[in-house]
Amino acid sequence: MIGILVVTHSHMAAELCRAAEMILGPQEALAAVNIEPETAVDDAHNQVYEALQRLGSDGDGVMILTDLFGGTPTNISVEFLEESKVDIVTGVNLPMLLKGAGLRLTCEFEELAAQLAEYARTAIIRPIDLLR
């Protein structure tokens, strides 16, 4: 199964995973790395590495979802990019994570990042626009 690793500033990664499991139920191959202000870069790097080792142990690949392009979570994650094994999509939100949990069961790894990025963009909705 394609693993999903959420890496963000503060507690957002853990809370997104918690919210996803509240909606979908327990998820296999899902992990969070929270990077706090006091987290040393080397420690964060090691946490991401260890999570990737756990999530990618079956060889199906790991999709890393980060909060902000150019931020520490993404900058650390970029060091682990590996074609067909580790990819990154930035701008993680709950719809993206929920969609990823489903798509990873039917989608090829190489297609997953593009589908998640597109879905996350279309999941941003102003309800007033629907009510007009």
N, C-alpha and C. Protein backbone atom coordinates (compact mmCIF):
# COMPACT_ATOMS: atom_id res chain seq x y z
N MET A 1 0.84 -1.18 0.00
CA MET A 1 0.00 0.00 0.00
C MET A 1 0.88 1.24 0.00
N ILE A 2 0.50 2.23 -0.77
CA ILE A 2 1.23 3.49 -0.79
C ILE A 2 1.07 4.14 0.58
N GLY A 3 2.20 4.49 1.18
CA GLY A 3 2.17 5.16 2.47
C GLY A 3 1.93 6.65 2.29
N ILE A 4 1.34 7.26 3.31
CA ILE A 4 1.15 8.70 3.33
C ILE A 4 1.80 9.24 4.58
N LEU A 5 2.71 10.19 4.39
CA LEU A 5 3.39 10.85 5.50
C LEU A 5 3.04 12.33 5.45
N VAL A 6 2.45 12.84 6.52
CA VAL A 6 2.09 14.25 6.61
C VAL A 6 3.16 14.92 7.47
N VAL A 7 3.80 15.96 6.91
CA VAL A 7 4.87 16.68 7.61
C VAL A 7 4.53 18.16 7.61
N THR A 8 4.35 18.73 8.80
CA THR A 8 3.93 20.13 8.89
C THR A 8 4.59 20.83 10.06
N HIS A 9 4.41 22.14 10.06
CA HIS A 9 4.77 22.96 11.22
C HIS A 9 3.79 22.65 12.35
N SER A 10 4.25 22.73 13.57
CA SER A 10 3.43 22.60 14.77
C SER A 10 2.72 21.24 14.80
N HIS A 11 1.52 21.19 15.34
CA HIS A 11 0.79 19.93 15.51
C HIS A 11 -0.16 19.63 14.36
N MET A 12 -0.10 20.40 13.31
CA MET A 12 -1.06 20.24 12.23
C MET A 12 -1.02 18.84 11.61
N ALA A 13 0.14 18.26 11.44
CA ALA A 13 0.25 16.93 10.81
C ALA A 13 -0.53 15.89 11.61
N ALA A 14 -0.28 15.85 12.90
CA ALA A 14 -0.97 14.87 13.74
C ALA A 14 -2.47 15.11 13.76
N GLU A 15 -2.87 16.36 13.80
CA GLU A 15 -4.30 16.68 13.85
C GLU A 15 -5.00 16.37 12.53
N LEU A 16 -4.34 16.59 11.40
CA LEU A 16 -4.93 16.21 10.12
C LEU A 16 -5.12 14.69 10.06
N CYS A 17 -4.13 13.95 10.50
CA CYS A 17 -4.24 12.49 10.50
C CYS A 17 -5.35 12.04 11.45
N ARG A 18 -5.43 12.68 12.59
CA ARG A 18 -6.48 12.34 13.56
C ARG A 18 -7.87 12.62 12.97
N ALA A 19 -8.02 13.77 12.30
CA ALA A 19 -9.30 14.11 11.68
C ALA A 19 -9.64 13.12 10.57
N ALA A 20 -8.66 12.74 9.77
CA ALA A 20 -8.90 11.77 8.69
C ALA A 20 -9.37 10.44 9.26
N GLU A 21 -8.76 10.00 10.34
CA GLU A 21 -9.16 8.73 10.93
C GLU A 21 -10.51 8.83 11.63
N MET A 22 -10.85 10.01 12.11
CA MET A 22 -12.18 10.20 12.69
C MET A 22 -13.25 10.01 11.61
N ILE A 23 -12.95 10.47 10.39
CA ILE A 23 -13.91 10.38 9.28
C ILE A 23 -13.88 9.00 8.63
N LEU A 24 -12.68 8.48 8.37
CA LEU A 24 -12.52 7.24 7.60
C LEU A 24 -12.32 5.99 8.43
N GLY A 25 -12.00 6.15 9.70
CA GLY A 25 -11.61 5.03 10.53
C GLY A 25 -10.11 4.85 10.48
N PRO A 26 -9.58 3.90 11.25
CA PRO A 26 -8.13 3.69 11.31
C PRO A 26 -7.53 3.47 9.92
N GLN A 27 -6.38 4.08 9.71
CA GLN A 27 -5.70 4.01 8.41
C GLN A 27 -4.34 3.33 8.55
N GLU A 28 -4.11 2.36 7.70
CA GLU A 28 -2.79 1.74 7.63
C GLU A 28 -1.85 2.67 6.87
N ALA A 29 -0.59 2.57 7.14
CA ALA A 29 0.45 3.28 6.39
C ALA A 29 0.19 4.79 6.33
N LEU A 30 -0.22 5.36 7.45
CA LEU A 30 -0.40 6.81 7.58
C LEU A 30 0.37 7.25 8.81
N ALA A 31 1.19 8.30 8.64
CA ALA A 31 1.98 8.80 9.77
C ALA A 31 2.11 10.30 9.68
N ALA A 32 2.45 10.90 10.82
CA ALA A 32 2.61 12.35 10.90
C ALA A 32 3.95 12.67 11.53
N VAL A 33 4.57 13.73 11.03
CA VAL A 33 5.75 14.30 11.67
C VAL A 33 5.44 15.77 11.90
N ASN A 34 5.41 16.15 13.17
CA ASN A 34 5.18 17.54 13.57
C ASN A 34 6.52 18.20 13.80
N ILE A 35 6.76 19.32 13.18
CA ILE A 35 8.00 20.06 13.39
C ILE A 35 7.68 21.29 14.22
N GLU A 36 8.09 21.23 15.47
CA GLU A 36 7.84 22.29 16.43
C GLU A 36 8.96 23.33 16.37
N PRO A 37 8.72 24.53 16.91
CA PRO A 37 9.77 25.56 16.89
C PRO A 37 11.07 25.10 17.54
N GLU A 38 10.97 24.25 18.55
CA GLU A 38 12.17 23.79 19.26
C GLU A 38 12.79 22.54 18.65
N THR A 39 12.19 22.00 17.59
CA THR A 39 12.73 20.81 16.94
C THR A 39 13.98 21.16 16.14
N ALA A 40 15.07 20.51 16.44
CA ALA A 40 16.31 20.71 15.68
C ALA A 40 16.13 20.12 14.28
N VAL A 41 16.73 20.73 13.30
CA VAL A 41 16.59 20.26 11.91
C VAL A 41 17.06 18.82 11.80
N ASP A 42 18.16 18.47 12.45
CA ASP A 42 18.64 17.09 12.39
C ASP A 42 17.63 16.12 12.98
N ASP A 43 16.98 16.51 14.07
CA ASP A 43 15.95 15.65 14.67
C ASP A 43 14.76 15.49 13.72
N ALA A 44 14.33 16.57 13.10
CA ALA A 44 13.22 16.51 12.15
C ALA A 44 13.59 15.62 10.97
N HIS A 45 14.80 15.78 10.47
CA HIS A 45 15.30 14.95 9.37
C HIS A 45 15.23 13.47 9.76
N ASN A 46 15.68 13.14 10.95
CA ASN A 46 15.66 11.75 11.41
C ASN A 46 14.23 11.23 11.56
N GLN A 47 13.32 12.07 12.04
CA GLN A 47 11.92 11.64 12.18
C GLN A 47 11.30 11.34 10.82
N VAL A 48 11.57 12.19 9.84
CA VAL A 48 11.05 11.94 8.49
C VAL A 48 11.66 10.67 7.93
N TYR A 49 12.97 10.50 8.08
CA TYR A 49 13.65 9.31 7.59
C TYR A 49 13.05 8.03 8.19
N GLU A 50 12.87 8.03 9.51
CA GLU A 50 12.33 6.85 10.18
C GLU A 50 10.91 6.55 9.73
N ALA A 51 10.09 7.59 9.58
CA ALA A 51 8.72 7.39 9.11
C ALA A 51 8.71 6.83 7.68
N LEU A 52 9.58 7.35 6.83
CA LEU A 52 9.66 6.83 5.46
C LEU A 52 10.08 5.37 5.43
N GLN A 53 10.98 4.99 6.31
CA GLN A 53 11.41 3.59 6.37
C GLN A 53 10.25 2.69 6.76
N ARG A 54 9.46 3.12 7.74
CA ARG A 54 8.29 2.32 8.17
C ARG A 54 7.23 2.26 7.07
N LEU A 55 6.88 3.41 6.53
CA LEU A 55 5.78 3.47 5.56
C LEU A 55 6.14 2.86 4.21
N GLY A 56 7.40 2.91 3.84
CA GLY A 56 7.81 2.43 2.53
C GLY A 56 8.37 1.03 2.53
N SER A 57 8.23 0.33 3.64
CA SER A 57 8.86 -0.98 3.75
C SER A 57 8.32 -2.02 2.78
N ASP A 58 7.10 -1.83 2.27
CA ASP A 58 6.55 -2.80 1.33
C ASP A 58 6.91 -2.49 -0.13
N GLY A 59 7.56 -1.35 -0.36
CA GLY A 59 8.03 -1.02 -1.71
C GLY A 59 7.02 -0.33 -2.60
N ASP A 60 5.83 0.00 -2.08
CA ASP A 60 4.80 0.65 -2.90
C ASP A 60 4.96 2.16 -2.99
N GLY A 61 5.89 2.73 -2.24
CA GLY A 61 6.15 4.16 -2.29
C GLY A 61 5.48 4.91 -1.15
N VAL A 62 5.93 6.15 -0.96
CA VAL A 62 5.38 7.01 0.08
C VAL A 62 5.13 8.40 -0.50
N MET A 63 3.92 8.89 -0.28
CA MET A 63 3.56 10.24 -0.67
C MET A 63 3.69 11.12 0.56
N ILE A 64 4.52 12.15 0.47
CA ILE A 64 4.67 13.09 1.58
C ILE A 64 3.79 14.30 1.28
N LEU A 65 2.96 14.66 2.24
CA LEU A 65 2.11 15.84 2.13
C LEU A 65 2.62 16.87 3.13
N THR A 66 3.03 18.04 2.63
CA THR A 66 3.56 19.08 3.51
C THR A 66 2.67 20.31 3.46
N ASP A 67 2.88 21.20 4.42
CA ASP A 67 2.00 22.35 4.53
C ASP A 67 2.37 23.53 3.65
N LEU A 68 3.63 23.79 3.45
CA LEU A 68 4.03 25.05 2.83
C LEU A 68 5.28 24.86 1.97
N PHE A 69 5.17 25.15 0.68
CA PHE A 69 6.35 25.10 -0.17
C PHE A 69 7.37 26.12 0.32
N GLY A 70 8.60 25.71 0.46
CA GLY A 70 9.66 26.59 0.95
C GLY A 70 9.84 26.55 2.45
N GLY A 71 8.91 25.92 3.16
CA GLY A 71 9.02 25.81 4.61
C GLY A 71 9.90 24.63 5.01
N THR A 72 10.27 24.61 6.27
CA THR A 72 11.14 23.55 6.78
C THR A 72 10.60 22.15 6.52
N PRO A 73 9.30 21.87 6.74
CA PRO A 73 8.83 20.51 6.46
C PRO A 73 9.07 20.08 5.01
N THR A 74 8.83 20.97 4.07
CA THR A 74 9.07 20.63 2.66
C THR A 74 10.55 20.55 2.37
N ASN A 75 11.33 21.50 2.88
CA ASN A 75 12.76 21.51 2.62
C ASN A 75 13.43 20.23 3.12
N ILE A 76 13.01 19.75 4.28
CA ILE A 76 13.56 18.49 4.79
C ILE A 76 13.09 17.33 3.93
N SER A 77 11.83 17.32 3.57
CA SER A 77 11.26 16.21 2.79
C SER A 77 11.88 16.09 1.41
N VAL A 78 12.22 17.23 0.80
CA VAL A 78 12.81 17.22 -0.54
C VAL A 78 14.09 16.37 -0.59
N GLU A 79 14.79 16.30 0.51
CA GLU A 79 16.02 15.50 0.55
C GLU A 79 15.75 14.01 0.30
N PHE A 80 14.50 13.59 0.46
CA PHE A 80 14.17 12.17 0.32
C PHE A 80 13.45 11.84 -0.99
N LEU A 81 13.26 12.84 -1.85
CA LEU A 81 12.62 12.57 -3.14
C LEU A 81 13.33 11.46 -3.88
N GLU A 82 12.56 10.52 -4.40
CA GLU A 82 13.13 9.42 -5.17
C GLU A 82 12.07 8.97 -6.17
N GLU A 83 12.37 9.10 -7.43
CA GLU A 83 11.38 8.79 -8.46
C GLU A 83 10.77 7.42 -8.26
N SER A 84 9.45 7.38 -8.35
CA SER A 84 8.65 6.17 -8.21
C SER A 84 8.65 5.59 -6.79
N LYS A 85 9.27 6.30 -5.83
CA LYS A 85 9.31 5.79 -4.46
C LYS A 85 8.87 6.82 -3.43
N VAL A 86 9.30 8.06 -3.59
CA VAL A 86 8.93 9.13 -2.66
C VAL A 86 8.62 10.38 -3.47
N ASP A 87 7.43 10.94 -3.24
CA ASP A 87 7.03 12.17 -3.91
C ASP A 87 6.45 13.11 -2.86
N ILE A 88 6.29 14.38 -3.22
CA ILE A 88 5.79 15.39 -2.29
C ILE A 88 4.72 16.22 -2.96
N VAL A 89 3.66 16.52 -2.21
CA VAL A 89 2.67 17.50 -2.62
C VAL A 89 2.55 18.49 -1.46
N THR A 90 2.68 19.78 -1.76
CA THR A 90 2.58 20.79 -0.72
C THR A 90 1.16 21.35 -0.64
N GLY A 91 0.90 22.08 0.44
CA GLY A 91 -0.43 22.68 0.62
C GLY A 91 -1.43 21.69 1.18
N VAL A 92 -0.99 20.76 1.99
CA VAL A 92 -1.88 19.72 2.51
C VAL A 92 -3.11 20.34 3.19
N ASN A 93 -4.24 19.72 2.92
CA ASN A 93 -5.48 20.07 3.60
C ASN A 93 -6.26 18.77 3.82
N LEU A 94 -7.30 18.85 4.60
CA LEU A 94 -8.05 17.63 4.94
C LEU A 94 -8.67 16.97 3.71
N PRO A 95 -9.27 17.70 2.77
CA PRO A 95 -9.79 17.02 1.58
C PRO A 95 -8.69 16.26 0.81
N MET A 96 -7.50 16.85 0.72
CA MET A 96 -6.40 16.18 0.03
C MET A 96 -6.03 14.88 0.74
N LEU A 97 -5.95 14.92 2.05
CA LEU A 97 -5.59 13.73 2.81
C LEU A 97 -6.66 12.65 2.69
N LEU A 98 -7.91 13.02 2.78
CA LEU A 98 -8.99 12.05 2.63
C LEU A 98 -8.98 11.42 1.24
N LYS A 99 -8.80 12.25 0.23
CA LYS A 99 -8.76 11.73 -1.15
C LYS A 99 -7.57 10.79 -1.33
N GLY A 100 -6.43 11.18 -0.78
CA GLY A 100 -5.24 10.34 -0.89
C GLY A 100 -5.41 8.99 -0.24
N ALA A 101 -6.11 8.96 0.89
CA ALA A 101 -6.35 7.69 1.58
C ALA A 101 -7.15 6.73 0.70
N GLY A 102 -8.05 7.27 -0.11
CA GLY A 102 -8.81 6.43 -1.02
C GLY A 102 -8.08 6.11 -2.31
N LEU A 103 -7.50 7.14 -2.91
CA LEU A 103 -6.82 6.96 -4.20
C LEU A 103 -5.64 5.99 -4.12
N ARG A 104 -4.97 5.97 -2.99
CA ARG A 104 -3.77 5.12 -2.91
C ARG A 104 -4.09 3.64 -3.04
N LEU A 105 -5.36 3.29 -2.90
CA LEU A 105 -5.77 1.90 -3.03
C LEU A 105 -5.97 1.48 -4.48
N THR A 106 -6.21 2.46 -5.36
CA THR A 106 -6.53 2.13 -6.76
C THR A 106 -5.62 2.82 -7.76
N CYS A 107 -4.83 3.78 -7.33
CA CYS A 107 -4.05 4.62 -8.21
C CYS A 107 -2.59 4.18 -8.25
N GLU A 108 -1.97 4.30 -9.39
CA GLU A 108 -0.53 4.06 -9.49
C GLU A 108 0.22 5.19 -8.79
N PHE A 109 1.34 4.89 -8.19
CA PHE A 109 2.10 5.88 -7.43
C PHE A 109 2.42 7.11 -8.27
N GLU A 110 2.83 6.90 -9.52
CA GLU A 110 3.23 8.00 -10.38
C GLU A 110 2.09 8.98 -10.67
N GLU A 111 0.85 8.53 -10.57
CA GLU A 111 -0.31 9.37 -10.84
C GLU A 111 -0.84 10.07 -9.59
N LEU A 112 -0.51 9.55 -8.43
CA LEU A 112 -1.13 10.00 -7.20
C LEU A 112 -0.87 11.47 -6.90
N ALA A 113 0.35 11.94 -7.05
CA ALA A 113 0.66 13.34 -6.73
C ALA A 113 -0.15 14.31 -7.58
N ALA A 114 -0.22 14.06 -8.86
CA ALA A 114 -0.96 14.96 -9.75
C ALA A 114 -2.45 14.97 -9.41
N GLN A 115 -3.00 13.81 -9.13
CA GLN A 115 -4.42 13.74 -8.79
C GLN A 115 -4.72 14.44 -7.46
N LEU A 116 -3.83 14.29 -6.49
CA LEU A 116 -4.04 14.96 -5.20
C LEU A 116 -3.95 16.47 -5.33
N ALA A 117 -2.98 16.95 -6.08
CA ALA A 117 -2.83 18.39 -6.25
C ALA A 117 -4.06 18.98 -6.93
N GLU A 118 -4.55 18.32 -7.94
CA GLU A 118 -5.73 18.83 -8.65
C GLU A 118 -6.96 18.76 -7.75
N TYR A 119 -7.14 17.67 -7.06
CA TYR A 119 -8.31 17.53 -6.19
C TYR A 119 -8.30 18.59 -5.08
N ALA A 120 -7.16 18.83 -4.48
CA ALA A 120 -7.08 19.82 -3.40
C ALA A 120 -7.48 21.20 -3.90
N ARG A 121 -7.07 21.53 -5.12
CA ARG A 121 -7.45 22.83 -5.69
C ARG A 121 -8.96 22.92 -5.88
N THR A 122 -9.57 21.87 -6.36
CA THR A 122 -11.01 21.92 -6.62
C THR A 122 -11.84 21.77 -5.35
N ALA A 123 -11.25 21.33 -4.25
CA ALA A 123 -11.97 21.16 -2.99
C ALA A 123 -12.09 22.46 -2.21
N ILE A 124 -11.49 23.53 -2.69
CA ILE A 124 -11.62 24.83 -2.04
C ILE A 124 -12.86 25.50 -2.62
N ILE A 125 -13.85 25.67 -1.77
CA ILE A 125 -15.17 26.13 -2.22
C ILE A 125 -15.68 27.23 -1.30
N ARG A 126 -16.31 28.24 -1.89
CA ARG A 126 -17.04 29.25 -1.13
C ARG A 126 -18.51 28.85 -1.18
N PRO A 127 -19.08 28.43 -0.07
CA PRO A 127 -20.47 27.99 -0.09
C PRO A 127 -21.43 29.04 -0.66
N ILE A 128 -21.14 30.31 -0.45
CA ILE A 128 -22.04 31.34 -0.98
C ILE A 128 -22.15 31.28 -2.50
N ASP A 129 -21.06 30.86 -3.15
CA ASP A 129 -21.11 30.72 -4.61
C ASP A 129 -22.07 29.63 -5.04
N LEU A 130 -22.22 28.62 -4.22
CA LEU A 130 -23.14 27.52 -4.53
C LEU A 130 -24.59 27.91 -4.25
N LEU A 131 -24.77 28.86 -3.34
CA LEU A 131 -26.12 29.26 -2.93
C LEU A 131 -26.71 30.36 -3.82
N ARG A 132 -25.88 30.99 -4.61
CA ARG A 132 -26.38 32.08 -5.48
C ARG A 132 -27.18 31.55 -6.63
